[in-house]
Amino acid sequence: MVTYIIRRLFGAVLMLVAVSFCTFMIFFGLPRLAGATPESFAARYVGKTSTPETVALAAERLGFHDSLWVQYGRWLRDIVMGADYNYGPGVEHCSAPCFGYSFITHQPVWLDILDRLPVTVSLALGAAILWLLGGVATGVVSALKRGSIFDRASMGIALSGVSLPIFFTGLFALTFLSYGAPPLYLDITAKGGAFTPITENPIEWAYNLILPWITLAFIYAAGYARITRAGMLETMGEDYIRTARAKGLRERTVITRHGLRAALTPIVTIFGLDLGLLLGGAVLTESTFSLQGVGKYTIDAIFAQDMPKIMGVTMVAAFFVVIANLIVDVMYAVVDPRVRLS
């Protein structure tokens, strides 16, 4: 088991390096091949209102006249060891891990992300618990009651959840549950845009996030219910399930220990990927509910053309996805011990 985890850790590090190279080439290598100049790169760092003199000075100080390999090595070194940025009036130090420095806000990107991360983590984890429990439970019951009214109704709702985008269901929920609309007026949830840290007031923290949790979980739970149902239908027809029943095991034991466990492998896979992506920023959900998380931070950075922020969020999101995949690999070994031998 330890050897298995070490191999996966080594693979995760290699994946992060590969992602960093791809990220750098997308933002710097491809534009340079297309004819971009050092000044055009610098313009994306200093903002829209900068003068040509400021852009030229920034291109020189940021080293955009160097080769791509030198720039990539310097970027990796800055992430690991930190960097000093000279923006004109003075020199700013960016401590490790330094994912960049915003010349528009004069703030290290990592500090901005840390400030926004509690909102995104709270949103992602709360919604993940809801969609995992609700989706898997619904899928199991639907499989056991195949063809029943519950099965047809739940799969119909699941199809609606998969089809409807978050900016529709989110605004719909806000209209009827937060602001109210004639003839219904249900002012029972927070109106969005508010966040209270769980350490300050757990009840208010949950109250402000309950509607985003439900809305986000509704979309993901729909897919989990369909996948769980398909897996349970396939598993419950296997020979070893009939053997377990023939031995006189309780139906509850047959379902949970034999049927559900075998059907969990695809659930573990998509859960790790979905959670990793959300931790990198739930862009649409945070924008819909005006939550100041990493996703909203990314949207603001794109509109402001603040390149260091965009690259920093990309790397942080990639880190969460790689770590989620690592956890999924370890969970495979727990769910199915045969994975350790492969």
Protein backbone atom coordinates (compact mmCIF):
# COMPACT_ATOMS: atom_id res chain seq x y z
CA MET A 1 0.00 0.00 0.00
CA VAL A 2 2.84 2.40 0.85
CA THR A 3 4.60 1.65 -2.44
CA TYR A 4 1.35 2.25 -4.28
CA ILE A 5 0.92 5.68 -2.63
CA ILE A 6 4.56 6.65 -3.32
CA ARG A 7 4.14 5.81 -7.00
CA ARG A 8 1.02 7.94 -7.17
CA LEU A 9 2.72 10.84 -5.37
CA PHE A 10 5.59 10.75 -7.85
CA GLY A 11 3.11 10.72 -10.72
CA ALA A 12 1.23 13.68 -9.19
CA VAL A 13 4.44 15.75 -9.06
CA LEU A 14 5.22 14.95 -12.68
CA MET A 15 1.67 15.87 -13.65
CA LEU A 16 1.96 19.26 -11.91
CA VAL A 17 5.19 19.98 -13.78
CA ALA A 18 3.54 19.00 -17.07
CA VAL A 19 0.53 21.21 -16.29
CA SER A 20 2.80 24.14 -15.43
CA PHE A 21 4.62 23.75 -18.76
CA CYS A 22 1.35 23.56 -20.71
CA THR A 23 -0.01 26.59 -18.85
CA PHE A 24 3.11 28.61 -19.58
CA MET A 25 3.11 27.65 -23.24
CA ILE A 26 -0.56 28.52 -23.64
CA PHE A 27 -0.09 32.00 -22.18
CA PHE A 28 3.39 32.74 -23.55
CA GLY A 29 4.63 30.19 -26.08
CA LEU A 30 1.69 30.10 -28.50
CA PRO A 31 1.19 33.91 -28.56
CA ARG A 32 4.90 34.34 -29.21
CA LEU A 33 4.75 31.92 -32.14
CA ALA A 34 1.80 33.94 -33.44
CA GLY A 35 3.89 37.12 -33.46
CA ALA A 36 3.30 38.61 -30.01
CA THR A 37 5.97 41.06 -28.83
CA PRO A 38 7.43 41.53 -25.33
CA GLU A 39 5.47 44.79 -25.09
CA SER A 40 2.19 42.99 -25.82
CA PHE A 41 2.92 40.55 -23.00
CA ALA A 42 3.75 43.40 -20.63
CA ALA A 43 0.50 45.17 -21.53
CA ARG A 44 -1.43 42.24 -20.08
CA TYR A 45 0.39 42.70 -16.79
CA VAL A 46 0.09 46.46 -16.29
CA GLY A 47 -3.58 46.85 -17.29
CA LYS A 48 -5.54 48.76 -19.91
CA THR A 49 -4.74 52.32 -18.74
CA SER A 50 -0.95 52.05 -18.97
CA THR A 51 1.15 54.26 -21.28
CA PRO A 52 3.56 52.94 -23.95
CA GLU A 53 6.50 54.01 -21.80
CA THR A 54 5.14 52.05 -18.84
CA VAL A 55 4.59 48.99 -21.02
CA ALA A 56 8.12 49.09 -22.44
CA LEU A 57 9.62 49.50 -18.97
CA ALA A 58 7.54 46.61 -17.64
CA ALA A 59 8.63 44.36 -20.54
CA GLU A 60 12.27 45.06 -19.68
CA ARG A 61 11.89 44.54 -15.93
CA LEU A 62 9.80 41.37 -16.27
CA GLY A 63 12.31 39.78 -18.64
CA PHE A 64 10.00 39.28 -21.60
CA HIS A 65 12.95 39.82 -23.97
CA ASP A 66 14.53 36.57 -22.71
CA SER A 67 14.00 33.20 -24.32
CA LEU A 68 10.94 31.11 -23.45
CA TRP A 69 13.02 28.52 -21.59
CA VAL A 70 14.61 31.19 -19.41
CA GLN A 71 11.20 32.70 -18.66
CA TYR A 72 9.70 29.30 -17.83
CA GLY A 73 12.56 28.41 -15.50
CA ARG A 74 12.28 31.77 -13.78
CA TRP A 75 8.52 31.30 -13.37
CA LEU A 76 8.97 27.88 -11.75
CA ARG A 77 11.72 29.25 -9.51
CA ASP A 78 9.44 32.09 -8.40
CA ILE A 79 6.69 29.63 -7.47
CA VAL A 80 9.03 27.58 -5.29
CA MET A 81 11.37 30.26 -3.90
CA GLY A 82 9.45 33.54 -4.20
CA ALA A 83 10.36 36.62 -6.20
CA ASP A 84 10.96 40.38 -6.07
CA TYR A 85 8.97 42.56 -8.46
CA ASN A 86 10.09 46.05 -9.46
CA TYR A 87 7.03 47.99 -10.57
CA GLY A 88 8.62 51.45 -10.66
CA PRO A 89 8.05 53.28 -7.37
CA GLY A 90 9.53 50.39 -5.39
CA VAL A 91 10.27 46.69 -5.15
CA GLU A 92 7.63 44.28 -3.85
CA HIS A 93 8.51 40.86 -2.44
CA CYS A 94 6.29 37.89 -3.23
CA SER A 95 6.85 35.05 -0.78
CA ALA A 96 6.74 31.41 -1.82
CA PRO A 97 4.55 29.98 -3.17
CA CYS A 98 4.55 32.94 -5.54
CA PHE A 99 2.03 32.38 -8.32
CA GLY A 100 2.50 35.91 -9.62
CA TYR A 101 2.14 39.52 -8.64
CA SER A 102 -0.65 41.78 -9.82
CA PHE A 103 0.69 45.11 -11.03
CA ILE A 104 -2.87 46.44 -11.11
CA THR A 105 -3.72 45.83 -7.45
CA HIS A 106 -0.09 45.61 -6.25
CA GLN A 107 -0.85 42.40 -4.39
CA PRO A 108 0.62 38.88 -4.62
CA VAL A 109 -1.80 36.53 -6.34
CA TRP A 110 -1.43 33.80 -3.71
CA LEU A 111 -2.61 36.13 -0.93
CA ASP A 112 -5.67 37.05 -2.99
CA ILE A 113 -6.46 33.39 -3.62
CA LEU A 114 -6.04 32.53 0.07
CA ASP A 115 -8.48 35.31 0.92
CA ARG A 116 -11.07 33.92 -1.53
CA LEU A 117 -10.43 30.22 -0.91
CA PRO A 118 -12.64 29.80 2.22
CA VAL A 119 -15.70 30.81 0.20
CA THR A 120 -14.95 28.34 -2.59
CA VAL A 121 -14.04 25.51 -0.20
CA SER A 122 -17.21 26.06 1.84
CA LEU A 123 -19.34 26.07 -1.30
CA ALA A 124 -17.69 23.01 -2.84
CA LEU A 125 -17.60 20.81 0.25
CA GLY A 126 -21.14 21.60 1.36
CA ALA A 127 -22.58 20.95 -2.09
CA ALA A 128 -20.44 17.81 -2.49
CA ILE A 129 -21.88 16.25 0.66
CA LEU A 130 -25.43 16.96 -0.50
CA TRP A 131 -25.02 15.67 -4.05
CA LEU A 132 -23.06 12.58 -2.99
CA LEU A 133 -25.58 11.48 -0.37
CA GLY A 134 -28.65 12.49 -2.37
CA GLY A 135 -27.44 11.22 -5.72
CA VAL A 136 -26.16 7.84 -4.53
CA ALA A 137 -29.19 7.18 -2.32
CA THR A 138 -31.58 8.07 -5.13
CA GLY A 139 -29.69 5.89 -7.60
CA VAL A 140 -29.71 2.88 -5.25
CA VAL A 141 -33.43 3.14 -4.52
CA SER A 142 -34.25 3.63 -8.21
CA ALA A 143 -32.27 0.52 -9.12
CA LEU A 144 -33.95 -1.57 -6.44
CA LYS A 145 -37.39 -0.29 -7.50
CA ARG A 146 -36.79 -0.41 -11.20
CA GLY A 147 -39.81 0.60 -13.27
CA SER A 148 -41.71 2.01 -10.28
CA ILE A 149 -43.21 5.49 -10.06
CA PHE A 150 -40.29 6.57 -7.86
CA ASP A 151 -37.80 5.31 -10.42
CA ARG A 152 -39.44 7.13 -13.31
CA ALA A 153 -39.98 10.34 -11.36
CA SER A 154 -36.44 10.47 -9.93
CA MET A 155 -34.81 9.76 -13.28
CA GLY A 156 -36.99 12.42 -14.90
CA ILE A 157 -35.90 14.95 -12.29
CA ALA A 158 -32.31 13.80 -12.76
CA LEU A 159 -32.59 14.43 -16.50
CA SER A 160 -33.85 17.94 -15.77
CA GLY A 161 -30.98 18.54 -13.37
CA VAL A 162 -28.38 17.49 -15.93
CA SER A 163 -29.99 19.62 -18.66
CA LEU A 164 -30.56 22.88 -16.77
CA PRO A 165 -27.54 25.20 -16.34
CA ILE A 166 -26.64 26.66 -12.97
CA PHE A 167 -27.34 30.24 -14.01
CA PHE A 168 -30.95 29.23 -14.73
CA THR A 169 -31.64 27.13 -11.64
CA GLY A 170 -29.73 29.59 -9.47
CA LEU A 171 -31.65 32.65 -10.62
CA PHE A 172 -34.91 30.70 -10.47
CA ALA A 173 -34.21 29.66 -6.88
CA LEU A 174 -33.20 33.18 -5.89
CA THR A 175 -36.37 34.62 -7.41
CA PHE A 176 -38.79 32.35 -5.55
CA LEU A 177 -36.91 31.52 -2.36
CA SER A 178 -34.93 34.67 -1.59
CA TYR A 179 -36.65 37.63 -3.22
CA GLY A 180 -40.07 36.16 -3.90
CA ALA A 181 -42.34 36.64 -6.89
CA PRO A 182 -46.15 37.04 -7.04
CA PRO A 183 -48.18 35.04 -6.21
CA LEU A 184 -45.43 33.20 -4.28
CA TYR A 185 -43.26 35.06 -1.81
CA LEU A 186 -40.88 32.87 0.16
CA ASP A 187 -38.23 35.02 1.80
CA ILE A 188 -36.60 32.05 3.54
CA THR A 189 -33.02 31.97 2.20
CA ALA A 190 -30.16 34.43 1.95
CA LYS A 191 -30.24 36.79 -1.02
CA GLY A 192 -26.69 36.00 -2.11
CA GLY A 193 -23.44 37.89 -1.90
CA ALA A 194 -22.99 37.29 1.84
CA PHE A 195 -20.47 34.97 3.46
CA THR A 196 -19.70 34.44 7.12
CA PRO A 197 -16.71 32.27 8.11
CA ILE A 198 -17.72 29.09 9.89
CA THR A 199 -15.40 29.95 12.76
CA GLU A 200 -17.36 33.13 13.48
CA ASN A 201 -20.96 31.93 13.21
CA PRO A 202 -21.65 28.38 11.93
CA ILE A 203 -25.41 28.92 11.72
CA GLU A 204 -25.12 32.09 9.64
CA TRP A 205 -22.42 30.42 7.53
CA ALA A 206 -24.83 27.61 6.63
CA TYR A 207 -27.77 29.99 6.16
CA ASN A 208 -25.87 32.10 3.62
CA LEU A 209 -24.75 29.05 1.64
CA ILE A 210 -27.75 26.73 1.83
CA LEU A 211 -29.30 27.92 -1.44
CA PRO A 212 -26.03 27.77 -3.45
CA TRP A 213 -25.42 24.32 -1.96
CA ILE A 214 -28.83 23.01 -2.98
CA THR A 215 -28.67 24.57 -6.44
CA LEU A 216 -25.19 23.25 -7.17
CA ALA A 217 -25.92 19.84 -5.63
CA PHE A 218 -29.10 19.48 -7.71
CA ILE A 219 -27.08 19.60 -10.92
CA TYR A 220 -24.40 17.14 -9.80
CA ALA A 221 -26.72 14.79 -7.88
CA ALA A 222 -28.68 14.19 -11.07
CA GLY A 223 -25.65 12.68 -12.81
CA TYR A 224 -24.64 10.68 -9.74
CA ALA A 225 -28.14 9.21 -9.46
CA ARG A 226 -28.10 8.01 -13.06
CA ILE A 227 -24.60 6.53 -12.79
CA THR A 228 -25.38 4.82 -9.47
CA ARG A 229 -28.60 3.38 -10.86
CA ALA A 230 -26.83 1.97 -13.91
CA GLY A 231 -24.06 0.49 -11.78
CA MET A 232 -26.46 -1.06 -9.29
CA LEU A 233 -28.61 -2.59 -12.03
CA GLU A 234 -25.53 -4.22 -13.52
CA THR A 235 -24.09 -5.33 -10.18
CA MET A 236 -27.28 -6.74 -8.65
CA GLY A 237 -27.58 -9.18 -11.55
CA GLU A 238 -24.15 -10.73 -11.01
CA ASP A 239 -23.66 -14.33 -9.87
CA TYR A 240 -21.95 -13.41 -6.61
CA ILE A 241 -25.03 -11.40 -5.57
CA ARG A 242 -27.21 -14.45 -6.07
CA THR A 243 -24.66 -16.51 -4.15
CA ALA A 244 -24.73 -14.05 -1.25
CA ARG A 245 -28.50 -14.25 -1.12
CA ALA A 246 -28.39 -18.03 -1.30
CA LYS A 247 -26.11 -18.07 1.77
CA GLY A 248 -28.86 -16.36 3.71
CA LEU A 249 -27.29 -12.92 4.08
CA ARG A 250 -29.64 -10.11 4.91
CA GLU A 251 -30.80 -8.06 1.93
CA ARG A 252 -29.36 -4.92 3.50
CA THR A 253 -25.93 -6.57 3.71
CA VAL A 254 -26.16 -7.80 0.14
CA ILE A 255 -27.00 -4.32 -1.12
CA THR A 256 -24.46 -2.31 0.88
CA ARG A 257 -21.46 -4.61 1.21
CA HIS A 258 -21.67 -6.45 -2.10
CA GLY A 259 -23.80 -4.48 -4.55
CA LEU A 260 -23.08 -0.84 -3.67
CA ARG A 261 -19.37 -1.32 -3.02
CA ALA A 262 -18.83 -2.80 -6.45
CA ALA A 263 -20.78 0.06 -8.04
CA LEU A 264 -18.75 2.76 -6.24
CA THR A 265 -15.73 2.76 -8.55
CA PRO A 266 -17.15 5.15 -11.20
CA ILE A 267 -18.68 7.28 -8.41
CA VAL A 268 -15.28 7.68 -6.75
CA THR A 269 -13.76 8.67 -10.10
CA ILE A 270 -16.18 11.42 -11.01
CA PHE A 271 -16.48 12.65 -7.42
CA GLY A 272 -12.77 13.32 -7.20
CA LEU A 273 -12.72 15.13 -10.52
CA ASP A 274 -15.84 17.18 -9.79
CA LEU A 275 -14.66 18.23 -6.34
CA GLY A 276 -11.20 19.10 -7.63
CA LEU A 277 -12.63 21.28 -10.38
CA LEU A 278 -14.98 23.07 -7.98
CA LEU A 279 -12.16 23.77 -5.51
CA GLY A 280 -10.36 25.48 -8.38
CA GLY A 281 -13.29 27.86 -8.66
CA ALA A 282 -17.04 27.39 -9.10
CA VAL A 283 -17.21 30.17 -11.68
CA LEU A 284 -20.88 30.07 -12.67
CA THR A 285 -22.24 29.39 -9.18
CA GLU A 286 -20.17 32.12 -7.53
CA SER A 287 -21.12 34.60 -10.25
CA THR A 288 -24.82 33.71 -10.00
CA PHE A 289 -24.94 34.12 -6.23
CA SER A 290 -22.35 36.96 -6.09
CA LEU A 291 -20.03 34.95 -3.85
CA GLN A 292 -16.52 36.37 -3.66
CA GLY A 293 -14.68 33.10 -4.18
CA VAL A 294 -11.92 31.94 -6.48
CA GLY A 295 -14.31 31.58 -9.43
CA LYS A 296 -15.53 35.19 -9.13
CA TYR A 297 -11.91 36.25 -8.69
CA THR A 298 -11.09 34.56 -12.01
CA ILE A 299 -13.90 36.34 -13.85
CA ASP A 300 -12.81 39.71 -12.47
CA ALA A 301 -9.20 39.00 -13.51
CA ILE A 302 -10.27 38.15 -17.06
CA PHE A 303 -12.25 41.36 -17.44
CA ALA A 304 -9.35 43.37 -16.02
CA GLN A 305 -6.85 41.52 -18.25
CA ASP A 306 -4.73 40.81 -15.18
CA MET A 307 -2.55 37.99 -16.50
CA PRO A 308 -0.74 37.03 -13.26
CA LYS A 309 -4.08 36.41 -11.55
CA ILE A 310 -5.32 34.23 -14.41
CA MET A 311 -2.14 32.13 -14.47
CA GLY A 312 -2.11 31.83 -10.69
CA VAL A 313 -5.70 30.58 -10.56
CA THR A 314 -4.95 28.14 -13.39
CA MET A 315 -2.07 26.61 -11.45
CA VAL A 316 -4.02 26.45 -8.19
CA ALA A 317 -6.97 24.82 -9.96
CA ALA A 318 -4.61 22.31 -11.59
CA PHE A 319 -3.15 21.54 -8.17
CA PHE A 320 -6.59 20.75 -6.76
CA VAL A 321 -7.45 18.51 -9.72
CA VAL A 322 -4.15 16.59 -9.45
CA ILE A 323 -4.56 16.15 -5.69
CA ALA A 324 -8.15 15.00 -6.23
CA ASN A 325 -6.93 12.41 -8.72
CA LEU A 326 -4.31 11.27 -6.20
CA ILE A 327 -6.97 10.81 -3.53
CA VAL A 328 -9.14 8.92 -6.04
CA ASP A 329 -6.26 6.54 -6.78
CA VAL A 330 -5.83 5.86 -3.06
CA MET A 331 -9.57 5.36 -2.65
CA TYR A 332 -9.47 2.80 -5.47
CA ALA A 333 -7.09 0.72 -3.36
CA VAL A 334 -9.52 0.97 -0.43
CA VAL A 335 -12.66 0.15 -2.41
CA ASP A 336 -11.02 -2.56 -4.53
CA PRO A 337 -7.80 -4.11 -3.10
CA ARG A 338 -7.02 -5.63 -6.50
CA VAL A 339 -5.95 -2.15 -7.66
CA ARG A 340 -2.86 -2.31 -5.41
CA LEU A 341 -1.54 -5.26 -7.39
CA SER A 342 -2.01 -3.72 -10.83
